[in-house]
Amino acid sequence: MRADFPVVLDACVLAEAAVSDLFLRLSEAPRLLLPRWSEAIWEETRRTWVEKFKWDESLAESRIQAATGFFPEAMIEGFEHIIPKCENHPKDRHVLAAAIHSRTETIVTFNVKDFKPEALAPWGMTASHPADYLKVLFDHDQAAVTNALHSMASKAQRTVPEILGRLAWYVKPFSEYVSAEYASDLPDISPQAWKR
């Protein structure tokens, strides 16, 4: 079921490979969401990959080019004048400003605490943890989310329960929710076990 819910994906979501992979797969036709981001969000993502995860610069750049090239309509520009009006955490004001400028009511972020309701309410915005938002999408269209999980599993040469186990590192409530729906066990997969 096509939905096209527009959401701003924060850098912390884009930087986590499995979680961003699932969100981007759910953004492909027939899509459940319409991703939004900015150059500033991608620059923060690139810094995380290169400085924290020690990725090669060329790998980070190729990932960014692939995503922005596939979703050219996702880029938000011209929002900088709104940043001084935002009252959420200073380091994430550019994210809220981009959401306001693009009229995107939902920000998906692991850093929900940096987007306090009192800072979002005047703009009619909400911040959602990725696990919570993925559960909403699953309830909206189980088949589409399940197909995306199968696609991820096929590419990684893993089972769907293993993919859910990998996703559980960051979105465990979602993984548990899907596993319970299909009456399957959620494997406890460590980073070492995932690398095999």
C-alpha atoms as a PDB file:
ATOM      1  CA  MET A   1       0.000   0.000   0.000  1.00  0.00           C
ATOM      2  CA  ARG A   2       1.619   3.244  -1.144  1.00  0.00           C
ATOM      3  CA  ALA A   3       1.790   5.759   1.693  1.00  0.00           C
ATOM      4  CA  ASP A   4       4.448   8.402   1.009  1.00  0.00           C
ATOM      5  CA  PHE A   5       4.703   9.610   4.599  1.00  0.00           C
ATOM      6  CA  PRO A   6       7.381  12.348   4.478  1.00  0.00           C
ATOM      7  CA  VAL A   7       9.983  12.061   7.246  1.00  0.00           C
ATOM      8  CA  VAL A   8      13.287  13.785   7.930  1.00  0.00           C
ATOM      9  CA  LEU A   9      15.898  11.109   8.630  1.00  0.00           C
ATOM     10  CA  ASP A  10      18.451  12.392  11.134  1.00  0.00           C
ATOM     11  CA  ALA A  11      22.158  11.656  10.672  1.00  0.00           C
ATOM     12  CA  CYS A  12      22.178   9.160  13.544  1.00  0.00           C
ATOM     13  CA  VAL A  13      19.607   7.080  11.631  1.00  0.00           C
ATOM     14  CA  LEU A  14      21.380   7.352   8.274  1.00  0.00           C
ATOM     15  CA  ALA A  15      24.717   6.431   9.857  1.00  0.00           C
ATOM     16  CA  GLU A  16      23.490   3.082  11.232  1.00  0.00           C
ATOM     17  CA  ALA A  17      23.832   0.791   8.223  1.00  0.00           C
ATOM     18  CA  ALA A  18      21.087  -1.788   8.805  1.00  0.00           C
ATOM     19  CA  VAL A  19      18.502   0.699  10.066  1.00  0.00           C
ATOM     20  CA  SER A  20      19.112   3.151   7.216  1.00  0.00           C
ATOM     21  CA  ASP A  21      19.075   0.265   4.731  1.00  0.00           C
ATOM     22  CA  LEU A  22      15.588  -0.701   5.903  1.00  0.00           C
ATOM     23  CA  PHE A  23      14.310   2.879   5.793  1.00  0.00           C
ATOM     24  CA  LEU A  24      15.685   3.405   2.289  1.00  0.00           C
ATOM     25  CA  ARG A  25      14.219   0.121   1.038  1.00  0.00           C
ATOM     26  CA  LEU A  26      10.851   1.246   2.399  1.00  0.00           C
ATOM     27  CA  SER A  27      11.322   4.477   0.430  1.00  0.00           C
ATOM     28  CA  GLU A  28      11.506   2.628  -2.900  1.00  0.00           C
ATOM     29  CA  ALA A  29       8.381   2.237  -5.029  1.00  0.00           C
ATOM     30  CA  PRO A  30       5.779   1.340  -4.004  1.00  0.00           C
ATOM     31  CA  ARG A  31       7.075   3.328  -1.049  1.00  0.00           C
ATOM     32  CA  LEU A  32       5.808   3.668   2.490  1.00  0.00           C
ATOM     33  CA  LEU A  33       7.727   6.840   3.221  1.00  0.00           C
ATOM     34  CA  LEU A  34       9.316   9.773   1.465  1.00  0.00           C
ATOM     35  CA  PRO A  35      12.766  10.432   2.961  1.00  0.00           C
ATOM     36  CA  ARG A  36      13.970  13.977   3.551  1.00  0.00           C
ATOM     37  CA  TRP A  37      17.458  15.192   4.444  1.00  0.00           C
ATOM     38  CA  SER A  38      19.896  18.051   3.910  1.00  0.00           C
ATOM     39  CA  GLU A  39      23.548  18.477   2.999  1.00  0.00           C
ATOM     40  CA  ALA A  40      24.210  19.243   6.685  1.00  0.00           C
ATOM     41  CA  ILE A  41      22.597  15.956   7.743  1.00  0.00           C
ATOM     42  CA  TRP A  42      24.694  14.035   5.225  1.00  0.00           C
ATOM     43  CA  GLU A  43      27.871  15.827   6.309  1.00  0.00           C
ATOM     44  CA  GLU A  44      27.182  14.763   9.893  1.00  0.00           C
ATOM     45  CA  THR A  45      26.578  11.214   8.647  1.00  0.00           C
ATOM     46  CA  ARG A  46      29.844  11.242   6.698  1.00  0.00           C
ATOM     47  CA  ARG A  47      31.794  12.429   9.771  1.00  0.00           C
ATOM     48  CA  THR A  48      30.296   9.610  11.837  1.00  0.00           C
ATOM     49  CA  TRP A  49      31.266   7.000   9.252  1.00  0.00           C
ATOM     50  CA  VAL A  50      34.799   8.301   8.743  1.00  0.00           C
ATOM     51  CA  GLU A  51      35.756   9.526  12.218  1.00  0.00           C
ATOM     52  CA  LYS A  52      33.807   7.154  14.474  1.00  0.00           C
ATOM     53  CA  PHE A  53      33.380   4.009  12.372  1.00  0.00           C
ATOM     54  CA  LYS A  54      36.731   4.463  10.541  1.00  0.00           C
ATOM     55  CA  TRP A  55      35.239   3.993   7.096  1.00  0.00           C
ATOM     56  CA  ASP A  56      37.318   4.892   4.079  1.00  0.00           C
ATOM     57  CA  GLU A  57      36.365   8.343   2.799  1.00  0.00           C
ATOM     58  CA  SER A  58      35.583   6.954  -0.659  1.00  0.00           C
ATOM     59  CA  LEU A  59      33.131   4.400   0.772  1.00  0.00           C
ATOM     60  CA  ALA A  60      31.331   7.102   2.739  1.00  0.00           C
ATOM     61  CA  GLU A  61      31.141   9.336  -0.318  1.00  0.00           C
ATOM     62  CA  SER A  62      29.838   6.533  -2.536  1.00  0.00           C
ATOM     63  CA  ARG A  63      27.075   5.710  -0.037  1.00  0.00           C
ATOM     64  CA  ILE A  64      26.027   9.361   0.080  1.00  0.00           C
ATOM     65  CA  GLN A  65      26.058   9.706  -3.695  1.00  0.00           C
ATOM     66  CA  ALA A  66      24.012   6.528  -4.095  1.00  0.00           C
ATOM     67  CA  ALA A  67      21.309   7.666  -1.665  1.00  0.00           C
ATOM     68  CA  THR A  68      21.094  11.272  -2.836  1.00  0.00           C
ATOM     69  CA  GLY A  69      21.193  10.184  -6.472  1.00  0.00           C
ATOM     70  CA  PHE A  70      18.393   7.663  -6.006  1.00  0.00           C
ATOM     71  CA  PHE A  71      16.204  10.113  -4.065  1.00  0.00           C
ATOM     72  CA  PRO A  72      16.938  13.528  -5.598  1.00  0.00           C
ATOM     73  CA  GLU A  73      13.600  14.880  -4.357  1.00  0.00           C
ATOM     74  CA  ALA A  74      14.656  14.233  -0.746  1.00  0.00           C
ATOM     75  CA  MET A  75      17.154  17.108  -0.497  1.00  0.00           C
ATOM     76  CA  ILE A  76      16.028  20.108   1.572  1.00  0.00           C
ATOM     77  CA  GLU A  77      17.672  23.448   0.841  1.00  0.00           C
ATOM     78  CA  GLY A  78      17.260  27.070   1.910  1.00  0.00           C
ATOM     79  CA  PHE A  79      16.303  26.466   5.546  1.00  0.00           C
ATOM     80  CA  GLU A  80      19.279  28.126   7.244  1.00  0.00           C
ATOM     81  CA  HIS A  81      17.373  31.328   8.103  1.00  0.00           C
ATOM     82  CA  ILE A  82      15.056  29.265  10.335  1.00  0.00           C
ATOM     83  CA  ILE A  83      17.825  27.793  12.524  1.00  0.00           C
ATOM     84  CA  PRO A  84      18.011  30.803  14.929  1.00  0.00           C
ATOM     85  CA  LYS A  85      14.276  30.428  15.587  1.00  0.00           C
ATOM     86  CA  CYS A  86      14.606  26.798  16.729  1.00  0.00           C
ATOM     87  CA  GLU A  87      14.817  26.022  20.434  1.00  0.00           C
ATOM     88  CA  ASN A  88      15.720  22.350  20.496  1.00  0.00           C
ATOM     89  CA  HIS A  89      19.276  21.129  21.238  1.00  0.00           C
ATOM     90  CA  PRO A  90      21.720  23.484  19.458  1.00  0.00           C
ATOM     91  CA  LYS A  91      23.518  20.734  17.526  1.00  0.00           C
ATOM     92  CA  ASP A  92      20.219  19.511  16.069  1.00  0.00           C
ATOM     93  CA  ARG A  93      18.586  22.837  15.266  1.00  0.00           C
ATOM     94  CA  HIS A  94      19.521  22.474  11.613  1.00  0.00           C
ATOM     95  CA  VAL A  95      17.473  19.238  11.502  1.00  0.00           C
ATOM     96  CA  LEU A  96      14.361  20.904  12.926  1.00  0.00           C
ATOM     97  CA  ALA A  97      14.837  23.905  10.627  1.00  0.00           C
ATOM     98  CA  ALA A  98      15.012  21.604   7.597  1.00  0.00           C
ATOM     99  CA  ALA A  99      11.825  19.855   8.718  1.00  0.00           C
ATOM    100  CA  ILE A 100      10.010  23.171   9.208  1.00  0.00           C
ATOM    101  CA  HIS A 101      11.133  24.537   5.860  1.00  0.00           C
ATOM    102  CA  SER A 102      10.055  21.396   3.978  1.00  0.00           C
ATOM    103  CA  ARG A 103       6.794  21.115   5.948  1.00  0.00           C
ATOM    104  CA  THR A 104       7.786  17.627   7.076  1.00  0.00           C
ATOM    105  CA  GLU A 105       5.990  16.958  10.337  1.00  0.00           C
ATOM    106  CA  THR A 106       8.011  13.938  11.516  1.00  0.00           C
ATOM    107  CA  ILE A 107      11.701  13.699  12.369  1.00  0.00           C
ATOM    108  CA  VAL A 108      13.014  10.155  12.806  1.00  0.00           C
ATOM    109  CA  THR A 109      15.957  10.189  15.208  1.00  0.00           C
ATOM    110  CA  PHE A 110      17.660   8.150  17.899  1.00  0.00           C
ATOM    111  CA  ASN A 111      18.200  11.440  19.759  1.00  0.00           C
ATOM    112  CA  VAL A 112      14.565  12.069  20.649  1.00  0.00           C
ATOM    113  CA  LYS A 113      15.740  13.851  23.813  1.00  0.00           C
ATOM    114  CA  ASP A 114      17.259  16.581  21.630  1.00  0.00           C
ATOM    115  CA  PHE A 115      13.824  17.348  20.198  1.00  0.00           C
ATOM    116  CA  LYS A 116      11.741  18.091  23.277  1.00  0.00           C
ATOM    117  CA  PRO A 117       7.984  18.428  22.669  1.00  0.00           C
ATOM    118  CA  GLU A 118       7.951  22.043  23.825  1.00  0.00           C
ATOM    119  CA  ALA A 119      10.480  22.929  21.101  1.00  0.00           C
ATOM    120  CA  LEU A 120       8.506  21.073  18.427  1.00  0.00           C
ATOM    121  CA  ALA A 121       4.914  21.950  19.342  1.00  0.00           C
ATOM    122  CA  PRO A 122       4.972  25.556  18.043  1.00  0.00           C
ATOM    123  CA  TRP A 123       5.884  24.191  14.612  1.00  0.00           C
ATOM    124  CA  GLY A 124       3.495  21.227  14.624  1.00  0.00           C
ATOM    125  CA  MET A 125       6.420  18.779  14.534  1.00  0.00           C
ATOM    126  CA  THR A 126       7.040  15.435  16.234  1.00  0.00           C
ATOM    127  CA  ALA A 127      10.172  13.369  16.809  1.00  0.00           C
ATOM    128  CA  SER A 128       9.968   9.587  16.595  1.00  0.00           C
ATOM    129  CA  HIS A 129      12.479   6.907  17.555  1.00  0.00           C
ATOM    130  CA  PRO A 130      13.242   4.646  14.557  1.00  0.00           C
ATOM    131  CA  ALA A 131      11.913   1.576  16.405  1.00  0.00           C
ATOM    132  CA  ASP A 132       8.583   3.281  17.031  1.00  0.00           C
ATOM    133  CA  TYR A 133       8.275   4.566  13.487  1.00  0.00           C
ATOM    134  CA  LEU A 134       9.145   1.193  11.975  1.00  0.00           C
ATOM    135  CA  LYS A 135       6.409  -0.391  14.100  1.00  0.00           C
ATOM    136  CA  VAL A 136       3.940   2.147  12.675  1.00  0.00           C
ATOM    137  CA  LEU A 137       5.019   1.265   9.137  1.00  0.00           C
ATOM    138  CA  PHE A 138       4.754  -2.452   9.901  1.00  0.00           C
ATOM    139  CA  ASP A 139       1.209  -1.990  11.206  1.00  0.00           C
ATOM    140  CA  HIS A 140       0.361   0.061   8.110  1.00  0.00           C
ATOM    141  CA  ASP A 141       1.682  -2.485   5.611  1.00  0.00           C
ATOM    142  CA  GLN A 142       3.115  -5.730   6.971  1.00  0.00           C
ATOM    143  CA  ALA A 143       3.744  -7.110   3.502  1.00  0.00           C
ATOM    144  CA  ALA A 144       5.902  -4.179   2.384  1.00  0.00           C
ATOM    145  CA  VAL A 145       8.040  -4.248   5.534  1.00  0.00           C
ATOM    146  CA  THR A 146       8.363  -8.033   5.384  1.00  0.00           C
ATOM    147  CA  ASN A 147       9.395  -7.850   1.723  1.00  0.00           C
ATOM    148  CA  ALA A 148      12.067  -5.282   2.617  1.00  0.00           C
ATOM    149  CA  LEU A 149      13.372  -7.558   5.374  1.00  0.00           C
ATOM    150  CA  HIS A 150      13.488 -10.497   2.943  1.00  0.00           C
ATOM    151  CA  SER A 151      15.383  -8.330   0.451  1.00  0.00           C
ATOM    152  CA  MET A 152      17.911  -7.363   3.122  1.00  0.00           C
ATOM    153  CA  ALA A 153      18.292 -11.003   4.153  1.00  0.00           C
ATOM    154  CA  SER A 154      18.847 -12.126   0.573  1.00  0.00           C
ATOM    155  CA  LYS A 155      21.518  -9.504  -0.050  1.00  0.00           C
ATOM    156  CA  ALA A 156      23.310 -10.347   3.216  1.00  0.00           C
ATOM    157  CA  GLN A 157      22.880 -14.107   2.690  1.00  0.00           C
ATOM    158  CA  ARG A 158      21.149 -14.324   6.039  1.00  0.00           C
ATOM    159  CA  THR A 159      17.728 -15.350   7.309  1.00  0.00           C
ATOM    160  CA  VAL A 160      15.036 -12.822   8.168  1.00  0.00           C
ATOM    161  CA  PRO A 161      15.341 -13.690  11.905  1.00  0.00           C
ATOM    162  CA  GLU A 162      19.076 -12.973  11.642  1.00  0.00           C
ATOM    163  CA  ILE A 163      18.345  -9.608  10.014  1.00  0.00           C
ATOM    164  CA  LEU A 164      15.930  -8.834  12.841  1.00  0.00           C
ATOM    165  CA  GLY A 165      18.650  -9.849  15.297  1.00  0.00           C
ATOM    166  CA  ARG A 166      21.062  -7.432  13.625  1.00  0.00           C
ATOM    167  CA  LEU A 167      18.459  -4.650  13.631  1.00  0.00           C
ATOM    168  CA  ALA A 168      17.856  -5.334  17.325  1.00  0.00           C
ATOM    169  CA  TRP A 169      21.196  -3.712  18.156  1.00  0.00           C
ATOM    170  CA  TYR A 170      19.471  -0.373  17.583  1.00  0.00           C
ATOM    171  CA  VAL A 171      15.722  -0.953  17.156  1.00  0.00           C
ATOM    172  CA  LYS A 172      15.060  -3.907  19.446  1.00  0.00           C
ATOM    173  CA  PRO A 173      11.381  -3.055  20.150  1.00  0.00           C
ATOM    174  CA  PHE A 174      10.700  -3.231  16.402  1.00  0.00           C
ATOM    175  CA  SER A 175      12.568  -6.539  16.008  1.00  0.00           C
ATOM    176  CA  GLU A 176      10.702  -8.022  18.966  1.00  0.00           C
ATOM    177  CA  TYR A 177       7.393  -6.749  17.592  1.00  0.00           C
ATOM    178  CA  VAL A 178       7.898  -8.350  14.180  1.00  0.00           C
ATOM    179  CA  SER A 179       9.230 -11.587  15.676  1.00  0.00           C
ATOM    180  CA  ALA A 180       6.206 -11.857  17.960  1.00  0.00           C
ATOM    181  CA  GLU A 181       3.844 -11.222  15.038  1.00  0.00           C
ATOM    182  CA  TYR A 182       5.350 -14.156  13.154  1.00  0.00           C
ATOM    183  CA  ALA A 183       5.794 -16.299  16.281  1.00  0.00           C
ATOM    184  CA  SER A 184       9.510 -16.663  15.649  1.00  0.00           C
ATOM    185  CA  ASP A 185      12.436 -16.419  18.022  1.00  0.00           C
ATOM    186  CA  LEU A 186      14.635 -13.327  17.891  1.00  0.00           C
ATOM    187  CA  PRO A 187      18.248 -14.521  17.769  1.00  0.00           C
ATOM    188  CA  ASP A 188      20.810 -12.785  19.948  1.00  0.00           C
ATOM    189  CA  ILE A 189      23.453 -11.815  17.402  1.00  0.00           C
ATOM    190  CA  SER A 190      26.678 -10.191  18.568  1.00  0.00           C
ATOM    191  CA  PRO A 191      28.788  -7.935  16.319  1.00  0.00           C
ATOM    192  CA  GLN A 192      31.444 -10.664  16.265  1.00  0.00           C
ATOM    193  CA  ALA A 193      28.921 -13.306  15.213  1.00  0.00           C
ATOM    194  CA  TRP A 194      27.534 -11.025  12.512  1.00  0.00           C
ATOM    195  CA  LYS A 195      30.968 -10.677  10.897  1.00  0.00           C
ATOM    196  CA  ARG A 196      31.399 -14.489  10.888  1.00  0.00           C
END
